[in-house]
């Protein structure tokens, strides 16, 4: 699954769209947003509810989220579960 970030603030993704829905068990992220100092200082965080919506709903997102959690890619940030993206790509 390839996700494009359109808005980012202090490492948290605020708006994103799916570019390729294939394989939500292996999501990747690309950033097509203005990135200011502090916005990308560390792994990017995609809120789990946003991931669920991008995948197609809670039922479709359950298995991928559980797999990502087993890999250590789901963390709590300000009381909300987030999918962690330690690496990302900037778009042209």
PDB file of N, CA and C in Angstrom:
ATOM      1  N   UNK A   1       0.848  -1.164   0.000  1.00  0.00           N
ATOM      2  CA  UNK A   1       0.000   0.000   0.000  1.00  0.00           C
ATOM      3  C   UNK A   1       0.898   1.232   0.000  1.00  0.00           C
ATOM      4  N   UNK A   2       0.595   2.156  -0.876  1.00  0.00           N
ATOM      5  CA  UNK A   2       1.366   3.394  -0.969  1.00  0.00           C
ATOM      6  C   UNK A   2       0.453   4.553  -0.578  1.00  0.00           C
ATOM      7  N   UNK A   3       0.876   5.271   0.454  1.00  0.00           N
ATOM      8  CA  UNK A   3       0.099   6.373   1.009  1.00  0.00           C
ATOM      9  C   UNK A   3       0.842   7.676   0.738  1.00  0.00           C
ATOM     10  N   UNK A   4       0.113   8.681   0.243  1.00  0.00           N
ATOM     11  CA  UNK A   4       0.709   9.997   0.006  1.00  0.00           C
ATOM     12  C   UNK A   4       0.209  10.972   1.070  1.00  0.00           C
ATOM     13  N   UNK A   5       1.160  11.596   1.749  1.00  0.00           N
ATOM     14  CA  UNK A   5       0.862  12.575   2.791  1.00  0.00           C
ATOM     15  C   UNK A   5       0.728  13.949   2.149  1.00  0.00           C
ATOM     16  N   UNK A   6      -0.386  14.614   2.444  1.00  0.00           N
ATOM     17  CA  UNK A   6      -0.636  15.946   1.898  1.00  0.00           C
ATOM     18  C   UNK A   6      -0.519  17.042   2.957  1.00  0.00           C
ATOM     19  N   UNK A   7      -0.600  16.671   4.227  1.00  0.00           N
ATOM     20  CA  UNK A   7      -0.438  17.625   5.322  1.00  0.00           C
ATOM     21  C   UNK A   7       0.249  16.920   6.490  1.00  0.00           C
ATOM     22  N   UNK A   8       1.269  17.591   7.034  1.00  0.00           N
ATOM     23  CA  UNK A   8       2.107  17.013   8.082  1.00  0.00           C
ATOM     24  C   UNK A   8       2.471  18.125   9.059  1.00  0.00           C
ATOM     25  N   UNK A   9       2.380  17.827  10.350  1.00  0.00           N
ATOM     26  CA  UNK A   9       2.777  18.803  11.362  1.00  0.00           C
ATOM     27  C   UNK A   9       3.360  18.061  12.550  1.00  0.00           C
ATOM     28  N   UNK A  10       4.592  18.410  12.906  1.00  0.00           N
ATOM     29  CA  UNK A  10       5.295  17.803  14.034  1.00  0.00           C
ATOM     30  C   UNK A  10       5.218  16.283  14.013  1.00  0.00           C
ATOM     31  N   UNK A  11       5.558  15.722  12.863  1.00  0.00           N
ATOM     32  CA  UNK A  11       5.668  14.282  12.619  1.00  0.00           C
ATOM     33  C   UNK A  11       4.333  13.572  12.452  1.00  0.00           C
ATOM     34  N   UNK A  12       3.216  14.218  12.729  1.00  0.00           N
ATOM     35  CA  UNK A  12       1.914  13.573  12.635  1.00  0.00           C
ATOM     36  C   UNK A  12       1.274  13.904  11.289  1.00  0.00           C
ATOM     37  N   UNK A  13       0.819  12.870  10.605  1.00  0.00           N
ATOM     38  CA  UNK A  13       0.131  13.027   9.330  1.00  0.00           C
ATOM     39  C   UNK A  13      -1.283  13.523   9.607  1.00  0.00           C
ATOM     40  N   UNK A  14      -1.655  14.632   8.968  1.00  0.00           N
ATOM     41  CA  UNK A  14      -2.987  15.205   9.168  1.00  0.00           C
ATOM     42  C   UNK A  14      -3.905  14.996   7.977  1.00  0.00           C
ATOM     43  N   UNK A  15      -3.343  14.722   6.821  1.00  0.00           N
ATOM     44  CA  UNK A  15      -4.171  14.445   5.651  1.00  0.00           C
ATOM     45  C   UNK A  15      -3.366  13.559   4.706  1.00  0.00           C
ATOM     46  N   UNK A  16      -3.995  12.475   4.239  1.00  0.00           N
ATOM     47  CA  UNK A  16      -3.313  11.539   3.346  1.00  0.00           C
ATOM     48  C   UNK A  16      -4.327  10.872   2.425  1.00  0.00           C
ATOM     49  N   UNK A  17      -3.826  10.384   1.305  1.00  0.00           N
ATOM     50  CA  UNK A  17      -4.654   9.656   0.350  1.00  0.00           C
ATOM     51  C   UNK A  17      -3.913   8.389  -0.067  1.00  0.00           C
ATOM     52  N   UNK A  18      -4.673   7.413  -0.524  1.00  0.00           N
ATOM     53  CA  UNK A  18      -4.089   6.159  -0.996  1.00  0.00           C
ATOM     54  C   UNK A  18      -3.754   6.299  -2.477  1.00  0.00           C
ATOM     55  N   UNK A  19      -2.526   6.004  -2.818  1.00  0.00           N
ATOM     56  CA  UNK A  19      -2.098   6.033  -4.220  1.00  0.00           C
ATOM     57  C   UNK A  19      -2.150   4.633  -4.823  1.00  0.00           C
ATOM     58  N   UNK A  20      -1.886   3.616  -3.995  1.00  0.00           N
ATOM     59  CA  UNK A  20      -1.936   2.217  -4.431  1.00  0.00           C
ATOM     60  C   UNK A  20      -2.397   1.385  -3.237  1.00  0.00           C
ATOM     61  N   UNK A  21      -3.588   0.798  -3.302  1.00  0.00           N
ATOM     62  CA  UNK A  21      -4.126   0.061  -2.153  1.00  0.00           C
ATOM     63  C   UNK A  21      -3.556  -1.352  -1.979  1.00  0.00           C
ATOM     64  N   UNK A  22      -2.697  -1.776  -2.872  1.00  0.00           N
ATOM     65  CA  UNK A  22      -2.157  -3.132  -2.839  1.00  0.00           C
ATOM     66  C   UNK A  22      -1.347  -3.371  -1.566  1.00  0.00           C
ATOM     67  N   UNK A  23      -1.623  -4.461  -0.894  1.00  0.00           N
ATOM     68  CA  UNK A  23      -0.886  -4.963   0.268  1.00  0.00           C
ATOM     69  C   UNK A  23      -0.838  -4.000   1.453  1.00  0.00           C
ATOM     70  N   UNK A  24      -1.947  -3.831   2.176  1.00  0.00           N
ATOM     71  CA  UNK A  24      -1.946  -2.973   3.361  1.00  0.00           C
ATOM     72  C   UNK A  24      -1.100  -3.518   4.513  1.00  0.00           C
ATOM     73  N   UNK A  25      -0.596  -4.740   4.367  1.00  0.00           N
ATOM     74  CA  UNK A  25       0.301  -5.288   5.386  1.00  0.00           C
ATOM     75  C   UNK A  25       1.700  -4.688   5.282  1.00  0.00           C
ATOM     76  N   UNK A  26       1.993  -4.034   4.138  1.00  0.00           N
ATOM     77  CA  UNK A  26       3.308  -3.418   3.920  1.00  0.00           C
ATOM     78  C   UNK A  26       3.137  -1.981   3.425  1.00  0.00           C
ATOM     79  N   UNK A  27       2.581  -1.112   4.276  1.00  0.00           N
ATOM     80  CA  UNK A  27       2.354   0.261   3.832  1.00  0.00           C
ATOM     81  C   UNK A  27       3.658   1.051   3.726  1.00  0.00           C
ATOM     82  N   UNK A  28       3.720   1.900   2.720  1.00  0.00           N
ATOM     83  CA  UNK A  28       4.825   2.848   2.600  1.00  0.00           C
ATOM     84  C   UNK A  28       4.223   4.235   2.488  1.00  0.00           C
ATOM     85  N   UNK A  29       5.033   5.221   2.761  1.00  0.00           N
ATOM     86  CA  UNK A  29       4.519   6.578   2.812  1.00  0.00           C
ATOM     87  C   UNK A  29       5.424   7.503   2.009  1.00  0.00           C
ATOM     88  N   UNK A  30       4.795   8.407   1.272  1.00  0.00           N
ATOM     89  CA  UNK A  30       5.534   9.428   0.540  1.00  0.00           C
ATOM     90  C   UNK A  30       4.916  10.778   0.908  1.00  0.00           C
ATOM     91  N   UNK A  31       5.762  11.787   0.987  1.00  0.00           N
ATOM     92  CA  UNK A  31       5.309  13.088   1.455  1.00  0.00           C
ATOM     93  C   UNK A  31       5.282  14.076   0.297  1.00  0.00           C
ATOM     94  N   UNK A  32       4.105  14.647   0.075  1.00  0.00           N
ATOM     95  CA  UNK A  32       3.908  15.698  -0.920  1.00  0.00           C
ATOM     96  C   UNK A  32       3.280  16.875  -0.178  1.00  0.00           C
ATOM     97  N   UNK A  33       4.046  17.416   0.767  1.00  0.00           N
ATOM     98  CA  UNK A  33       3.549  18.487   1.632  1.00  0.00           C
ATOM     99  C   UNK A  33       4.703  19.413   1.971  1.00  0.00           C
ATOM    100  N   UNK A  34       4.364  20.584   2.450  1.00  0.00           N
ATOM    101  CA  UNK A  34       5.389  21.493   2.963  1.00  0.00           C
ATOM    102  C   UNK A  34       5.904  20.901   4.266  1.00  0.00           C
ATOM    103  N   UNK A  35       7.223  20.759   4.351  1.00  0.00           N
ATOM    104  CA  UNK A  35       7.844  20.203   5.552  1.00  0.00           C
ATOM    105  C   UNK A  35       8.722  21.286   6.170  1.00  0.00           C
ATOM    106  N   UNK A  36       8.328  21.732   7.330  1.00  0.00           N
ATOM    107  CA  UNK A  36       9.078  22.772   8.052  1.00  0.00           C
ATOM    108  C   UNK A  36       9.920  22.128   9.142  1.00  0.00           C
ATOM    109  N   UNK A  37      10.823  22.915   9.725  1.00  0.00           N
ATOM    110  CA  UNK A  37      11.651  22.417  10.823  1.00  0.00           C
ATOM    111  C   UNK A  37      10.768  21.794  11.893  1.00  0.00           C
ATOM    112  N   UNK A  38      11.121  20.594  12.310  1.00  0.00           N
ATOM    113  CA  UNK A  38      10.386  19.883  13.343  1.00  0.00           C
ATOM    114  C   UNK A  38       9.284  18.981  12.821  1.00  0.00           C
ATOM    115  N   UNK A  39       8.877  19.170  11.567  1.00  0.00           N
ATOM    116  CA  UNK A  39       7.784  18.351  11.022  1.00  0.00           C
ATOM    117  C   UNK A  39       8.216  16.923  10.721  1.00  0.00           C
ATOM    118  N   UNK A  40       9.488  16.715  10.449  1.00  0.00           N
ATOM    119  CA  UNK A  40       9.943  15.377  10.077  1.00  0.00           C
ATOM    120  C   UNK A  40      11.180  14.971  10.874  1.00  0.00           C
ATOM    121  N   UNK A  41      11.279  15.459  12.098  1.00  0.00           N
ATOM    122  CA  UNK A  41      12.402  15.100  12.961  1.00  0.00           C
ATOM    123  C   UNK A  41      12.097  13.783  13.661  1.00  0.00           C
ATOM    124  N   UNK A  42      12.270  12.698  12.954  1.00  0.00           N
ATOM    125  CA  UNK A  42      11.975  11.377  13.494  1.00  0.00           C
ATOM    126  C   UNK A  42      10.946  10.683  12.637  1.00  0.00           C
ATOM    127  N   UNK A  43      10.524   9.499  13.060  1.00  0.00           N
ATOM    128  CA  UNK A  43       9.543   8.744  12.286  1.00  0.00           C
ATOM    129  C   UNK A  43       8.228   9.516  12.145  1.00  0.00           C
ATOM    130  N   UNK A  44       7.582   9.336  11.006  1.00  0.00           N
ATOM    131  CA  UNK A  44       6.271   9.942  10.798  1.00  0.00           C
ATOM    132  C   UNK A  44       5.202   9.053  11.415  1.00  0.00           C
ATOM    133  N   UNK A  45       4.135   9.670  11.882  1.00  0.00           N
ATOM    134  CA  UNK A  45       3.070   8.961  12.585  1.00  0.00           C
ATOM    135  C   UNK A  45       1.743   9.164  11.865  1.00  0.00           C
ATOM    136  N   UNK A  46       1.127   8.070  11.494  1.00  0.00           N
ATOM    137  CA  UNK A  46      -0.184   8.092  10.854  1.00  0.00           C
ATOM    138  C   UNK A  46      -1.198   7.566  11.863  1.00  0.00           C
ATOM    139  N   UNK A  47      -2.170   8.386  12.271  1.00  0.00           N
ATOM    140  CA  UNK A  47      -3.155   7.896  13.243  1.00  0.00           C
ATOM    141  C   UNK A  47      -3.833   6.610  12.763  1.00  0.00           C
ATOM    142  N   UNK A  48      -3.981   5.662  13.671  1.00  0.00           N
ATOM    143  CA  UNK A  48      -4.599   4.380  13.320  1.00  0.00           C
ATOM    144  C   UNK A  48      -6.004   4.561  12.744  1.00  0.00           C
ATOM    145  N   UNK A  49      -6.833   5.483  13.265  1.00  0.00           N
ATOM    146  CA  UNK A  49      -8.148   5.669  12.645  1.00  0.00           C
ATOM    147  C   UNK A  49      -8.049   6.127  11.182  1.00  0.00           C
ATOM    148  N   UNK A  50      -7.043   6.928  10.877  1.00  0.00           N
ATOM    149  CA  UNK A  50      -6.835   7.349   9.486  1.00  0.00           C
ATOM    150  C   UNK A  50      -6.411   6.160   8.638  1.00  0.00           C
ATOM    151  N   UNK A  51      -5.516   5.328   9.180  1.00  0.00           N
ATOM    152  CA  UNK A  51      -5.096   4.116   8.467  1.00  0.00           C
ATOM    153  C   UNK A  51      -6.310   3.238   8.182  1.00  0.00           C
ATOM    154  N   UNK A  52      -7.184   3.084   9.166  1.00  0.00           N
ATOM    155  CA  UNK A  52      -8.393   2.272   8.982  1.00  0.00           C
ATOM    156  C   UNK A  52      -9.242   2.818   7.836  1.00  0.00           C
ATOM    157  N   UNK A  53      -9.425   4.115   7.800  1.00  0.00           N
ATOM    158  CA  UNK A  53     -10.220   4.722   6.724  1.00  0.00           C
ATOM    159  C   UNK A  53      -9.555   4.536   5.369  1.00  0.00           C
ATOM    160  N   UNK A  54      -8.232   4.678   5.321  1.00  0.00           N
ATOM    161  CA  UNK A  54      -7.510   4.527   4.049  1.00  0.00           C
ATOM    162  C   UNK A  54      -7.581   3.096   3.530  1.00  0.00           C
ATOM    163  N   UNK A  55      -7.577   2.132   4.439  1.00  0.00           N
ATOM    164  CA  UNK A  55      -7.637   0.719   4.040  1.00  0.00           C
ATOM    165  C   UNK A  55      -9.036   0.331   3.574  1.00  0.00           C
ATOM    166  N   UNK A  56     -10.062   0.983   4.145  1.00  0.00           N
ATOM    167  CA  UNK A  56     -11.421   0.661   3.728  1.00  0.00           C
ATOM    168  C   UNK A  56     -12.353   0.335   4.873  1.00  0.00           C
ATOM    169  N   UNK A  57     -11.936   0.631   6.085  1.00  0.00           N
ATOM    170  CA  UNK A  57     -12.786   0.403   7.242  1.00  0.00           C
ATOM    171  C   UNK A  57     -12.128  -0.485   8.273  1.00  0.00           C
ATOM    172  N   UNK A  58     -12.701  -0.522   9.486  1.00  0.00           N
ATOM    173  CA  UNK A  58     -12.111  -1.291  10.579  1.00  0.00           C
ATOM    174  C   UNK A  58     -11.953  -2.783  10.286  1.00  0.00           C
ATOM    175  N   UNK A  59     -12.920  -3.362   9.608  1.00  0.00           N
ATOM    176  CA  UNK A  59     -12.851  -4.804   9.334  1.00  0.00           C
ATOM    177  C   UNK A  59     -11.659  -5.139   8.443  1.00  0.00           C
ATOM    178  N   UNK A  60     -11.429  -4.340   7.417  1.00  0.00           N
ATOM    179  CA  UNK A  60     -10.313  -4.587   6.499  1.00  0.00           C
ATOM    180  C   UNK A  60      -8.972  -4.206   7.117  1.00  0.00           C
ATOM    181  N   UNK A  61      -8.986  -3.275   8.063  1.00  0.00           N
ATOM    182  CA  UNK A  61      -7.737  -2.799   8.662  1.00  0.00           C
ATOM    183  C   UNK A  61      -7.296  -3.632   9.862  1.00  0.00           C
ATOM    184  N   UNK A  62      -8.177  -4.442  10.418  1.00  0.00           N
ATOM    185  CA  UNK A  62      -7.855  -5.176  11.643  1.00  0.00           C
ATOM    186  C   UNK A  62      -6.615  -6.050  11.495  1.00  0.00           C
ATOM    187  N   UNK A  63      -6.579  -6.912  10.507  1.00  0.00           N
ATOM    188  CA  UNK A  63      -5.442  -7.833  10.344  1.00  0.00           C
ATOM    189  C   UNK A  63      -4.144  -7.079  10.036  1.00  0.00           C
ATOM    190  N   UNK A  64      -4.134  -6.099   9.116  1.00  0.00           N
ATOM    191  CA  UNK A  64      -2.890  -5.357   8.891  1.00  0.00           C
ATOM    192  C   UNK A  64      -2.412  -4.606  10.133  1.00  0.00           C
ATOM    193  N   UNK A  65      -3.341  -3.994  10.882  1.00  0.00           N
ATOM    194  CA  UNK A  65      -2.925  -3.277  12.094  1.00  0.00           C
ATOM    195  C   UNK A  65      -2.334  -4.218  13.133  1.00  0.00           C
ATOM    196  N   UNK A  66      -2.930  -5.399  13.265  1.00  0.00           N
ATOM    197  CA  UNK A  66      -2.380  -6.379  14.217  1.00  0.00           C
ATOM    198  C   UNK A  66      -0.976  -6.828  13.789  1.00  0.00           C
ATOM    199  N   UNK A  67      -0.789  -7.042  12.498  1.00  0.00           N
ATOM    200  CA  UNK A  67       0.529  -7.433  11.993  1.00  0.00           C
ATOM    201  C   UNK A  67       1.550  -6.317  12.207  1.00  0.00           C
ATOM    202  N   UNK A  68       1.150  -5.085  11.947  1.00  0.00           N
ATOM    203  CA  UNK A  68       2.052  -3.950  12.162  1.00  0.00           C
ATOM    204  C   UNK A  68       2.381  -3.799  13.647  1.00  0.00           C
ATOM    205  N   UNK A  69       1.412  -4.032  14.512  1.00  0.00           N
ATOM    206  CA  UNK A  69       1.659  -3.958  15.961  1.00  0.00           C
ATOM    207  C   UNK A  69       2.678  -5.009  16.383  1.00  0.00           C
ATOM    208  N   UNK A  70       2.564  -6.220  15.844  1.00  0.00           N
ATOM    209  CA  UNK A  70       3.535  -7.281  16.170  1.00  0.00           C
ATOM    210  C   UNK A  70       4.945  -6.901  15.725  1.00  0.00           C
ATOM    211  N   UNK A  71       5.046  -6.086  14.687  1.00  0.00           N
ATOM    212  CA  UNK A  71       6.352  -5.631  14.185  1.00  0.00           C
ATOM    213  C   UNK A  71       6.865  -4.400  14.938  1.00  0.00           C
ATOM    214  N   UNK A  72       6.098  -3.921  15.899  1.00  0.00           N
ATOM    215  CA  UNK A  72       6.495  -2.739  16.654  1.00  0.00           C
ATOM    216  C   UNK A  72       6.229  -1.438  15.922  1.00  0.00           C
ATOM    217  N   UNK A  73       5.334  -1.481  14.935  1.00  0.00           N
ATOM    218  CA  UNK A  73       5.065  -0.290  14.119  1.00  0.00           C
ATOM    219  C   UNK A  73       3.786   0.428  14.509  1.00  0.00           C
ATOM    220  N   UNK A  74       3.214   0.082  15.659  1.00  0.00           N
ATOM    221  CA  UNK A  74       2.064   0.817  16.183  1.00  0.00           C
ATOM    222  C   UNK A  74       2.453   1.311  17.576  1.00  0.00           C
ATOM    223  N   UNK A  75       2.358   2.636  17.762  1.00  0.00           N
ATOM    224  CA  UNK A  75       2.742   3.249  19.031  1.00  0.00           C
ATOM    225  C   UNK A  75       1.620   4.160  19.513  1.00  0.00           C
ATOM    226  N   UNK A  76       1.651   4.468  20.801  1.00  0.00           N
ATOM    227  CA  UNK A  76       0.716   5.423  21.367  1.00  0.00           C
ATOM    228  C   UNK A  76       1.359   6.804  21.304  1.00  0.00           C
ATOM    229  N   UNK A  77       0.612   7.770  20.786  1.00  0.00           N
ATOM    230  CA  UNK A  77       1.064   9.156  20.750  1.00  0.00           C
ATOM    231  C   UNK A  77      -0.111  10.028  21.161  1.00  0.00           C
ATOM    232  N   UNK A  78       0.023  10.686  22.292  1.00  0.00           N
ATOM    233  CA  UNK A  78      -1.022  11.550  22.848  1.00  0.00           C
ATOM    234  C   UNK A  78      -2.350  10.802  23.015  1.00  0.00           C
ATOM    235  N   UNK A  79      -2.247   9.550  23.452  1.00  0.00           N
ATOM    236  CA  UNK A  79      -3.434   8.760  23.752  1.00  0.00           C
ATOM    237  C   UNK A  79      -4.116   8.112  22.562  1.00  0.00           C
ATOM    238  N   UNK A  80      -3.497   8.190  21.392  1.00  0.00           N
ATOM    239  CA  UNK A  80      -4.073   7.609  20.175  1.00  0.00           C
ATOM    240  C   UNK A  80      -3.035   6.680  19.538  1.00  0.00           C
ATOM    241  N   UNK A  81      -3.478   5.520  19.074  1.00  0.00           N
ATOM    242  CA  UNK A  81      -2.580   4.601  18.379  1.00  0.00           C
ATOM    243  C   UNK A  81      -2.217   5.200  17.018  1.00  0.00           C
ATOM    244  N   UNK A  82      -0.936   5.097  16.670  1.00  0.00           N
ATOM    245  CA  UNK A  82      -0.429   5.593  15.392  1.00  0.00           C
ATOM    246  C   UNK A  82       0.441   4.521  14.744  1.00  0.00           C
ATOM    247  N   UNK A  83       0.368   4.434  13.422  1.00  0.00           N
ATOM    248  CA  UNK A  83       1.277   3.580  12.665  1.00  0.00           C
ATOM    249  C   UNK A  83       2.549   4.387  12.434  1.00  0.00           C
ATOM    250  N   UNK A  84       3.692   3.781  12.739  1.00  0.00           N
ATOM    251  CA  UNK A  84       4.986   4.450  12.635  1.00  0.00           C
ATOM    252  C   UNK A  84       5.610   4.169  11.271  1.00  0.00           C
ATOM    253  N   UNK A  85       6.131   5.233  10.657  1.00  0.00           N
ATOM    254  CA  UNK A  85       6.870   5.126   9.396  1.00  0.00           C
ATOM    255  C   UNK A  85       8.259   5.697   9.623  1.00  0.00           C
ATOM    256  N   UNK A  86       9.247   4.830   9.973  1.00  0.00           N
ATOM    257  CA  UNK A  86      10.589   5.324  10.241  1.00  0.00           C
ATOM    258  C   UNK A  86      11.284   5.865   8.990  1.00  0.00           C
ATOM    259  N   UNK A  87      10.841   5.407   7.836  1.00  0.00           N
ATOM    260  CA  UNK A  87      11.427   5.869   6.568  1.00  0.00           C
ATOM    261  C   UNK A  87      10.287   6.328   5.672  1.00  0.00           C
ATOM    262  N   UNK A  88      10.558   7.365   4.880  1.00  0.00           N
ATOM    263  CA  UNK A  88       9.566   7.882   3.953  1.00  0.00           C
ATOM    264  C   UNK A  88      10.277   8.492   2.764  1.00  0.00           C
ATOM    265  N   UNK A  89       9.507   8.768   1.728  1.00  0.00           N
ATOM    266  CA  UNK A  89      10.040   9.336   0.499  1.00  0.00           C
ATOM    267  C   UNK A  89       9.384  10.676   0.238  1.00  0.00           C
ATOM    268  N   UNK A  90      10.166  11.640  -0.217  1.00  0.00           N
ATOM    269  CA  UNK A  90       9.607  12.927  -0.629  1.00  0.00           C
ATOM    270  C   UNK A  90       9.258  12.829  -2.124  1.00  0.00           C
ATOM    271  N   UNK A  91       8.127  13.387  -2.498  1.00  0.00           N
ATOM    272  CA  UNK A  91       7.734  13.407  -3.916  1.00  0.00           C
ATOM    273  C   UNK A  91       8.376  14.615  -4.585  1.00  0.00           C
ATOM    274  N   UNK A  92       8.435  14.564  -5.903  1.00  0.00           N
ATOM    275  CA  UNK A  92       9.001  15.687  -6.655  1.00  0.00           C
ATOM    276  C   UNK A  92       7.996  16.783  -6.855  1.00  0.00           C
TER     277      UNK A  92
END
